[in-house]
Protein backbone atom coordinates (compact mmCIF):
# COMPACT_ATOMS: atom_id res chain seq x y z
CA MET A 1 11.99 -14.19 -11.94
CA PRO A 2 8.65 -15.05 -13.64
CA GLU A 3 8.73 -15.77 -17.37
CA GLY A 4 6.02 -13.25 -18.11
CA LEU A 5 2.75 -11.58 -17.26
CA ALA A 6 -0.51 -11.78 -19.23
CA VAL A 7 -3.94 -10.14 -19.02
CA LEU A 8 -7.13 -11.89 -20.16
CA LYS A 9 -10.75 -10.94 -20.60
CA TRP A 10 -13.84 -12.96 -21.47
CA ASP A 11 -15.30 -12.82 -24.96
CA ASN A 12 -18.76 -14.36 -25.32
CA GLU A 13 -17.85 -15.84 -28.71
CA LEU A 14 -14.17 -16.68 -28.30
CA GLY A 15 -13.94 -17.39 -24.57
CA PRO A 16 -10.85 -16.11 -22.70
CA VAL A 17 -8.81 -13.75 -24.86
CA VAL A 18 -5.31 -12.45 -24.13
CA THR A 19 -5.51 -8.65 -24.37
CA THR A 20 -1.82 -7.97 -23.71
CA LYS A 21 1.31 -9.69 -22.42
CA THR A 22 4.90 -8.98 -21.52
CA PRO A 23 7.40 -9.85 -22.82
CA LYS A 24 5.84 -9.91 -26.28
CA LYS A 25 7.44 -13.28 -27.06
CA LEU A 26 5.60 -14.96 -24.15
CA ASN A 27 3.58 -17.95 -25.39
CA ARG A 28 3.47 -20.47 -22.54
CA GLY A 29 0.04 -20.75 -20.96
CA LEU A 30 -1.62 -18.57 -23.57
CA ASP A 31 -2.96 -21.25 -25.90
CA PRO A 32 -6.80 -21.46 -25.98
CA THR A 33 -6.94 -24.82 -24.18
CA THR A 34 -4.83 -23.71 -21.20
CA ALA A 35 -6.51 -20.31 -21.04
CA MET A 36 -9.97 -21.92 -20.94
CA ARG A 37 -8.86 -24.38 -18.25
CA VAL A 38 -7.43 -21.59 -16.08
CA TYR A 39 -10.49 -19.42 -16.55
CA GLY A 40 -12.80 -22.29 -15.72
CA ILE A 41 -11.00 -23.05 -12.44
CA ALA A 42 -10.92 -19.40 -11.37
CA THR A 43 -14.60 -18.78 -12.17
CA MET A 44 -15.95 -22.02 -10.77
CA GLY A 45 -19.43 -21.33 -9.41
CA GLU A 46 -22.36 -19.35 -10.70
CA THR A 47 -23.01 -16.79 -7.95
CA GLU A 48 -21.29 -13.46 -7.38
CA GLU A 49 -20.12 -14.71 -3.98
CA SER A 50 -18.39 -17.72 -5.52
CA GLN A 51 -16.77 -15.54 -8.16
CA ARG A 52 -15.20 -12.87 -5.96
CA PRO A 53 -11.65 -11.70 -6.65
CA GLY A 54 -9.07 -14.22 -5.58
CA PHE A 55 -5.61 -15.74 -6.03
CA THR A 56 -5.00 -19.30 -7.17
CA SER A 57 -2.12 -21.30 -8.61
CA LEU A 58 -1.86 -24.18 -11.05
CA VAL A 59 0.84 -26.72 -11.86
CA LEU A 60 0.95 -27.78 -15.51
CA ASP A 61 3.29 -30.19 -17.29
CA GLU A 62 6.17 -27.78 -17.96
CA PHE A 63 5.37 -24.64 -15.96
CA LYS A 64 3.28 -23.13 -13.19
CA LEU A 65 0.80 -20.26 -13.14
CA ALA A 66 0.05 -17.74 -10.41
CA VAL A 67 -3.43 -16.41 -11.21
CA TYR A 68 -5.53 -13.51 -9.92
CA TYR A 69 -9.18 -13.35 -10.96
CA GLY A 70 -10.84 -9.95 -10.73
CA GLY A 71 -14.35 -11.12 -10.00
CA LEU A 72 -17.74 -11.44 -11.66
CA ASN A 73 -18.26 -7.69 -12.22
CA ASN A 74 -15.24 -7.36 -14.49
CA HIS A 75 -16.15 -10.59 -16.26
CA LEU A 76 -19.69 -9.46 -17.06
CA LYS A 77 -18.59 -6.01 -18.22
CA GLY A 78 -16.13 -7.50 -20.71
CA HIS A 79 -13.25 -5.78 -18.93
CA PRO A 80 -9.89 -7.44 -18.22
CA SER A 81 -10.75 -9.91 -15.47
CA MET A 82 -7.70 -12.15 -15.08
CA VAL A 83 -3.98 -11.55 -14.69
CA PHE A 84 -1.49 -14.38 -14.48
CA LEU A 85 2.22 -14.96 -14.09
CA VAL A 86 3.97 -17.76 -15.95
CA LEU A 87 6.54 -19.43 -13.69
CA GLU A 88 9.19 -22.11 -13.99
CA LEU A 89 8.36 -25.46 -12.37
CA GLU A 90 10.81 -24.88 -9.51
CA GLU A 91 9.22 -21.55 -8.53
CA ASP A 92 6.71 -21.25 -5.68
CA PRO A 93 3.56 -19.38 -6.82
CA ASP A 94 2.73 -18.44 -3.22
CA VAL A 95 5.70 -16.06 -3.26
CA TYR A 96 3.48 -13.83 -5.42
CA LYS A 97 0.33 -14.19 -3.32
CA ASP A 98 0.50 -10.56 -2.16
CA ALA A 99 2.29 -9.04 -5.14
CA LEU A 100 0.04 -10.31 -7.93
CA PRO A 101 -3.23 -8.92 -6.47
CA GLU A 102 -1.55 -5.51 -6.16
CA ILE A 103 -0.38 -5.57 -9.78
CA ALA A 104 -3.71 -6.95 -11.01
CA THR A 105 -5.62 -4.22 -9.18
CA GLN A 106 -3.63 -1.59 -11.07
CA VAL A 107 -4.59 -3.33 -14.33
CA PHE A 108 -8.28 -3.38 -13.42
CA LEU A 109 -8.25 0.26 -12.26
CA HIS A 110 -6.79 1.35 -15.59
CA ALA A 111 -9.02 -0.75 -17.84
CA GLU A 112 -10.81 2.28 -19.30
CA ASP A 113 -9.32 3.28 -22.67
CA ASP A 114 -6.90 0.33 -22.32
CA GLU A 115 -4.45 2.41 -20.25
CA TYR A 116 -3.10 -0.76 -18.62
CA ILE A 117 -1.57 -2.03 -21.90
CA ASP A 118 1.22 0.55 -21.87
CA MET A 119 1.60 0.10 -18.09
CA LEU A 120 2.12 -3.67 -18.18
CA PRO A 121 5.92 -3.80 -18.74
CA ARG A 122 6.45 -1.46 -15.77
CA LEU A 123 4.03 -3.43 -13.60
CA TYR A 124 5.82 -6.64 -14.54
CA LYS A 125 9.11 -5.22 -13.25
CA GLN A 126 7.41 -4.30 -9.98
CA ILE A 127 6.38 -7.90 -9.27
CA VAL A 128 9.76 -9.06 -7.94
CA ARG A 129 10.37 -5.73 -6.22
CA TYR A 130 7.09 -6.06 -4.33
CA THR A 131 8.05 -9.49 -3.00
CA GLN A 132 11.21 -7.93 -1.56
CA MET A 133 9.44 -5.07 0.24
CA THR A 134 9.55 -4.84 4.01
CA PRO A 135 6.22 -4.87 5.90
CA GLU A 136 6.69 -1.13 6.40
CA GLN A 137 7.02 -0.55 2.66
CA ARG A 138 3.92 -2.60 1.93
CA GLN A 139 1.93 -0.36 4.25
CA VAL A 140 3.47 2.69 2.60
CA SER A 141 2.44 1.35 -0.83
CA ILE A 142 -1.19 1.60 0.34
CA LEU A 143 -0.70 5.28 1.13
CA ASN A 144 1.12 5.82 -2.17
CA ASP A 145 -1.91 4.74 -4.20
CA PRO A 146 -4.18 7.79 -4.78
CA ILE A 147 -7.36 5.72 -4.81
CA ARG A 148 -6.66 3.88 -1.55
CA ARG A 149 -5.39 7.11 -0.04
CA GLY A 150 -8.71 8.69 -0.99
CA ILE A 151 -10.60 5.79 0.57
CA LEU A 152 -8.68 6.13 3.82
CA ARG A 153 -9.34 9.87 3.91
CA ILE A 154 -13.08 9.23 3.62
CA LEU A 155 -13.10 6.49 6.25
CA MET A 156 -10.90 8.37 8.72
CA ARG A 157 -13.42 11.19 8.51
CA ASN A 158 -16.67 9.17 8.43
CA GLY A 159 -15.72 5.78 9.88
CA THR A 160 -18.22 3.82 7.84
CA VAL A 161 -19.67 4.09 4.35
CA GLU A 162 -21.65 1.91 1.92
CA SER A 163 -19.53 0.51 -0.92
CA SER A 164 -21.84 2.03 -3.56
CA GLU A 165 -21.48 5.46 -1.97
CA LEU A 166 -17.71 5.01 -1.69
CA GLU A 167 -17.44 4.10 -5.37
CA GLN A 168 -19.36 7.25 -6.31
CA THR A 169 -17.27 9.48 -4.02
CA ILE A 170 -14.00 8.09 -5.37
CA PHE A 171 -15.24 8.67 -8.92
CA GLU A 172 -16.02 12.30 -8.04
CA GLU A 173 -12.75 12.93 -6.17
CA VAL A 174 -10.23 10.85 -8.13
CA GLY A 175 -11.99 10.46 -11.47
CA LYS A 176 -11.78 6.66 -11.53
CA GLU A 177 -14.52 4.07 -11.55
CA ILE A 178 -13.63 1.32 -9.08
CA ASP A 179 -14.92 -2.06 -8.05
CA ALA A 180 -14.76 -1.61 -4.27
CA ASP A 181 -14.33 -5.34 -3.68
CA ILE A 182 -11.10 -5.45 -5.72
CA VAL A 183 -9.58 -2.28 -4.29
CA LEU A 184 -10.45 -2.97 -0.65
CA ARG A 185 -9.30 -6.57 -0.32
CA PRO A 186 -5.67 -5.74 0.58
CA LEU A 187 -6.95 -3.27 3.19
CA VAL A 188 -9.10 -6.00 4.73
CA LYS A 189 -6.12 -8.37 4.75
CA ALA A 190 -3.99 -5.68 6.43
CA GLY A 191 -6.58 -5.28 9.20
CA ILE A 192 -7.22 -1.64 8.29
CA ILE A 193 -10.87 -2.07 7.33
CA ALA A 194 -13.68 -4.57 7.79
CA THR A 195 -16.68 -5.16 5.57
CA GLY A 196 -20.11 -6.61 6.16
CA TRP A 197 -23.76 -6.61 5.16
CA VAL A 198 -26.37 -4.66 7.11
CA GLU A 199 -30.04 -5.52 6.87
CA GLY A 200 -31.97 -2.94 4.85
CA LEU A 201 -28.94 -1.59 2.94
CA SER A 202 -28.48 -2.35 -0.73
CA SER A 203 -24.68 -2.66 -0.79
CA GLU A 204 -21.90 -3.93 1.44
CA VAL A 205 -20.78 -1.61 4.24
CA ILE A 206 -17.13 -0.71 4.88
CA TYR A 207 -15.76 0.10 8.35
CA LEU A 208 -12.43 1.59 9.40
CA THR A 209 -10.79 -0.51 12.12
CA ARG A 210 -7.27 0.98 12.05
CA ALA A 211 -6.17 4.41 10.83
CA LEU A 212 -2.97 4.40 8.79
CA PHE A 213 -0.57 7.33 9.04
CA LEU A 214 2.89 8.18 7.72
CA LEU A 215 4.37 10.48 10.35
CA ARG A 216 7.74 12.14 10.95
CA ASN A 217 9.33 11.15 14.26
CA VAL A 218 12.40 12.46 16.00
CA SER A 219 15.19 9.93 15.41
CA ILE A 220 16.03 8.97 18.99
CA ASP A 221 19.10 6.97 17.96
CA THR A 222 20.45 9.95 16.02
CA VAL A 223 19.87 12.39 18.88
CA ARG A 224 21.42 9.95 21.36
CA ALA A 225 24.51 9.56 19.16
CA VAL A 226 24.83 13.33 18.76
CA ARG A 227 24.50 14.04 22.48
CA SER A 228 26.93 11.27 23.43
CA GLY A 229 29.70 12.93 21.44
CA GLU A 230 29.87 10.43 18.55
CA ILE A 231 30.09 13.32 16.08
CA PRO A 232 32.09 16.57 16.30
CA GLY A 233 30.59 19.38 18.36
CA GLU A 234 30.60 21.80 15.42
CA VAL A 235 28.14 19.40 13.71
CA ALA A 236 26.17 18.44 16.82
CA GLY A 237 25.05 21.94 17.79
CA PRO A 238 23.69 23.06 14.41
CA PHE A 239 22.01 19.65 13.93
CA LEU A 240 20.14 19.82 17.25
CA ASP A 241 19.07 23.41 16.57
CA GLU A 242 17.86 22.65 13.03
CA THR A 243 16.05 19.48 14.04
CA LYS A 244 14.35 21.16 16.98
CA GLU A 245 13.16 24.03 14.79
CA PHE A 246 11.87 21.67 12.08
CA HIS A 247 9.86 19.47 14.44
CA LYS A 248 8.44 22.54 16.17
CA GLY A 249 7.05 23.71 12.82
CA TYR A 250 5.88 20.21 11.90
CA SER A 251 3.97 19.84 15.18
CA ALA A 252 2.38 23.25 14.65
CA GLY A 253 1.22 22.14 11.19
CA LEU A 254 -0.38 19.02 12.66
CA ARG A 255 -2.20 21.08 15.27
CA ALA A 256 -3.38 23.67 12.75
CA ASP A 257 -4.75 21.23 10.17
CA LEU A 258 -4.17 17.59 11.05
CA HIS A 259 -5.84 16.04 8.00
CA GLU A 260 -4.27 18.34 5.41
CA THR A 261 -0.78 17.91 6.89
CA VAL A 262 -1.05 14.13 7.27
CA TRP A 263 -2.23 13.49 3.71
CA ARG A 264 0.19 15.94 2.10
CA GLU A 265 3.04 14.29 4.00
CA ALA A 266 1.88 10.78 3.13
CA GLU A 267 1.93 11.53 -0.58
CA GLU A 268 5.42 13.06 -0.44
CA LEU A 269 7.14 10.73 2.01
CA ALA A 270 5.83 7.55 0.34
CA GLN A 271 7.92 8.32 -2.75
CA HIS A 272 11.15 8.17 -0.74
CA LEU A 273 10.27 5.06 1.28
CA LEU A 274 9.37 3.16 -1.89
CA ASP A 275 12.51 4.18 -3.74
CA VAL A 276 14.96 1.29 -3.33
CA ASP A 277 18.14 3.35 -2.93
CA SER A 278 16.59 6.09 -0.79
CA TYR A 279 15.11 3.47 1.53
CA GLU A 280 18.47 1.74 1.95
CA ILE A 281 20.06 5.06 2.92
CA LEU A 282 17.21 5.74 5.33
CA GLN A 283 17.67 2.34 6.97
CA ILE A 284 21.38 3.05 7.53
CA LEU A 285 20.72 6.53 8.92
CA ARG A 286 18.11 5.14 11.30
CA GLU A 287 21.01 3.40 13.05
CA GLY A 288 22.87 6.68 13.52
CA PRO A 289 24.82 9.46 11.76
CA ARG A 290 27.27 8.63 8.98
CA VAL A 291 30.08 10.34 7.15
CA THR A 292 28.85 10.74 3.58
CA SER A 293 31.99 9.21 2.07
CA GLU A 294 31.27 5.90 3.90
CA LEU A 295 27.92 5.32 2.22
CA PRO A 296 28.84 4.32 -1.38
CA LYS A 297 30.81 1.30 -0.15
CA MET A 298 28.11 0.34 2.37
CA LEU A 299 25.41 0.52 -0.31
CA ASP A 300 27.49 -0.77 -3.23
CA LEU A 301 26.34 2.23 -5.25
CA PRO A 302 28.24 4.87 -7.28
CA GLU A 303 29.19 7.94 -5.24
CA ALA A 304 27.28 10.25 -7.60
CA LYS A 305 24.06 8.28 -7.11
CA VAL A 306 24.42 8.24 -3.33
CA LYS A 307 24.94 12.00 -3.26
CA LYS A 308 21.92 12.52 -5.52
CA LYS A 309 19.68 10.45 -3.22
CA ILE A 310 20.97 12.25 -0.12
CA ARG A 311 20.14 15.58 -1.74
CA GLU A 312 16.62 14.33 -2.43
CA LEU A 313 16.23 13.24 1.19
CA GLU A 314 17.58 16.60 2.33
CA LYS A 315 15.10 18.47 0.14
CA ALA A 316 12.30 16.40 1.72
CA ASP A 317 13.52 17.36 5.23
CA ILE A 318 14.36 13.73 6.01
CA ALA A 319 18.14 14.12 6.12
CA VAL A 320 20.56 16.95 6.77
CA ARG A 321 24.20 17.37 5.67
CA LEU A 322 26.70 19.23 7.83
CA LYS A 323 30.49 19.60 7.60
CA ASP A 324 32.92 19.47 10.50
CA ASP A 325 36.05 21.63 10.85
CA SER A 326 38.10 19.05 8.96
CA GLY A 327 35.85 19.25 5.92
CA ASN A 328 34.18 15.84 6.45
CA GLU A 329 30.51 15.86 5.51
CA HIS A 330 28.16 14.15 7.96
CA VAL A 331 24.63 13.06 7.05
CA LEU A 332 22.02 12.68 9.80
CA LEU A 333 18.29 12.05 10.07
CA LYS A 334 16.44 15.31 10.45
CA SER A 335 13.15 13.43 10.69
CA ASN A 336 12.36 9.72 10.63
CA PRO A 337 9.30 8.82 8.52
CA LYS A 338 7.48 5.94 10.18
CA VAL A 339 4.19 4.19 9.45
CA ALA A 340 1.74 4.11 12.34
CA THR A 341 -1.54 2.23 12.64
CA VAL A 342 -3.86 3.73 15.23
CA TYR A 343 -7.13 2.57 16.73
CA PRO A 344 -9.67 5.22 15.55
CA GLU A 345 -11.04 6.09 18.97
CA TRP A 346 -12.30 9.48 17.78
CA LEU A 347 -14.82 7.71 15.53
CA ILE A 348 -16.73 6.23 18.49
CA GLN A 349 -18.12 9.61 19.54
CA SER A 350 -18.69 10.79 15.97
CA THR A 351 -20.60 7.58 15.16
CA VAL A 352 -22.80 8.06 18.23
CA GLU A 353 -23.48 11.63 17.07
CA SER A 354 -24.30 10.41 13.55
CA TYR A 355 -26.69 7.88 15.07
CA ASN A 356 -28.42 10.51 17.22
CA GLU A 357 -28.70 12.94 14.32
CA GLU A 358 -29.79 10.15 11.92
CA ASP A 359 -27.00 11.00 9.49
CA ILE A 360 -26.50 7.29 8.80
CA PRO A 361 -28.92 4.34 9.17
CA SER A 362 -29.20 3.26 12.80
CA ARG A 363 -28.37 -0.37 11.99
CA GLN A 364 -25.17 0.74 10.25
CA ALA A 365 -24.11 2.91 13.20
CA ILE A 366 -24.83 0.13 15.73
CA HIS A 367 -22.96 -2.41 13.61
CA TYR A 368 -19.94 -0.10 13.35
CA LEU A 369 -19.85 0.47 17.10
CA GLU A 370 -19.80 -3.31 17.53
CA VAL A 371 -16.95 -3.56 15.01
CA LEU A 372 -15.00 -0.89 16.92
CA LYS A 373 -15.65 -2.68 20.20
CA HIS A 374 -14.33 -6.01 18.91
CA SER A 375 -11.33 -4.41 17.17
CA HIS A 376 -10.23 -2.44 20.24
CA PRO A 377 -6.61 -3.35 21.14
CA THR A 378 -7.57 -4.61 24.62
CA VAL A 379 -10.25 -6.90 23.20
CA ALA A 380 -7.96 -8.18 20.46
CA ALA A 381 -5.17 -8.84 22.99
CA ALA A 382 -7.55 -10.71 25.30
CA PHE A 383 -8.73 -12.81 22.36
CA GLU A 384 -5.14 -13.71 21.42
CA VAL A 385 -4.32 -14.72 25.00
CA GLY A 386 -7.44 -16.84 25.19
CA ALA A 387 -6.66 -18.51 21.89
CA SER A 388 -3.15 -19.42 23.01
CA ASP A 389 -4.21 -20.96 26.36
């Protein structure tokens, strides 16, 4: 566990200044000499390109630091521009290479009115939790963030947008000023978007390369277990009927208004997949039905807490509880929330139409079509095969 978390900003008279820290007793790494050294290393270079957001780590005499610098824009505005973790010498800073940028981004996004100061203790607790997330949960955390969710909505509709236009749209829709470079970096790393410069345009252009969805699937393992007689017939019949009816309605909702249904579901389902206890229950139920009384021992959780989480999953139409004739309560997956990344094939035609109707600059449209061509699954697979030969 890190010793603490600190936020710094640049003061033209004093140099790097600690604006807040947690725990309050944290002192290591916060003296002016160390702070200036860290800031100097992170901001080495004089151009905006050389001072883009980035992670670095330092080994000092008695401790280590994992550092995330927020970039030149934050620095020049006098906003918080650096977040660092103080670590013991035996800790590996690279463990926090994904977690710290996520936490730092939340700090930078809530810099106005110093909102981040009250948030810092909670963000600090999330550091270790983030390192323990599954790849699925890390993708879900993108959809859980209202700003990134808003960005994905825009890109899944338009395909490509200038960063300056995106910043303005997010401000209008979400009410937050953002530095697109900071917010988008994890999406670039995840292969969801690409960025690039187009001649004649004043700001960097963003392109969607993979759409990200959180969809409800039928749990095949659950249905197979039910149909093979692994649970009593008086439970099996009602379960199959209820599940069939639910997915029929869900599919109808997707057909009626795909975008509205997908984004409403993403916001709701993300809460359950990011809850530690709910996610553990979901992982067990993905393997097949369980008798409710078995779960507390499997999860090492109090019975009352397990029942509370199951009720929450039931209310979200993820799980269903049914009793057999002997009074045993069975819990089964009614729907299985799964993350899906999809090649945005529908954006090829819409980009061609935008080009023909001159809705976006021709160079931008042509560049995006090239990006889509090179990010197509068949092209990517051929590249990987060629690289391995």
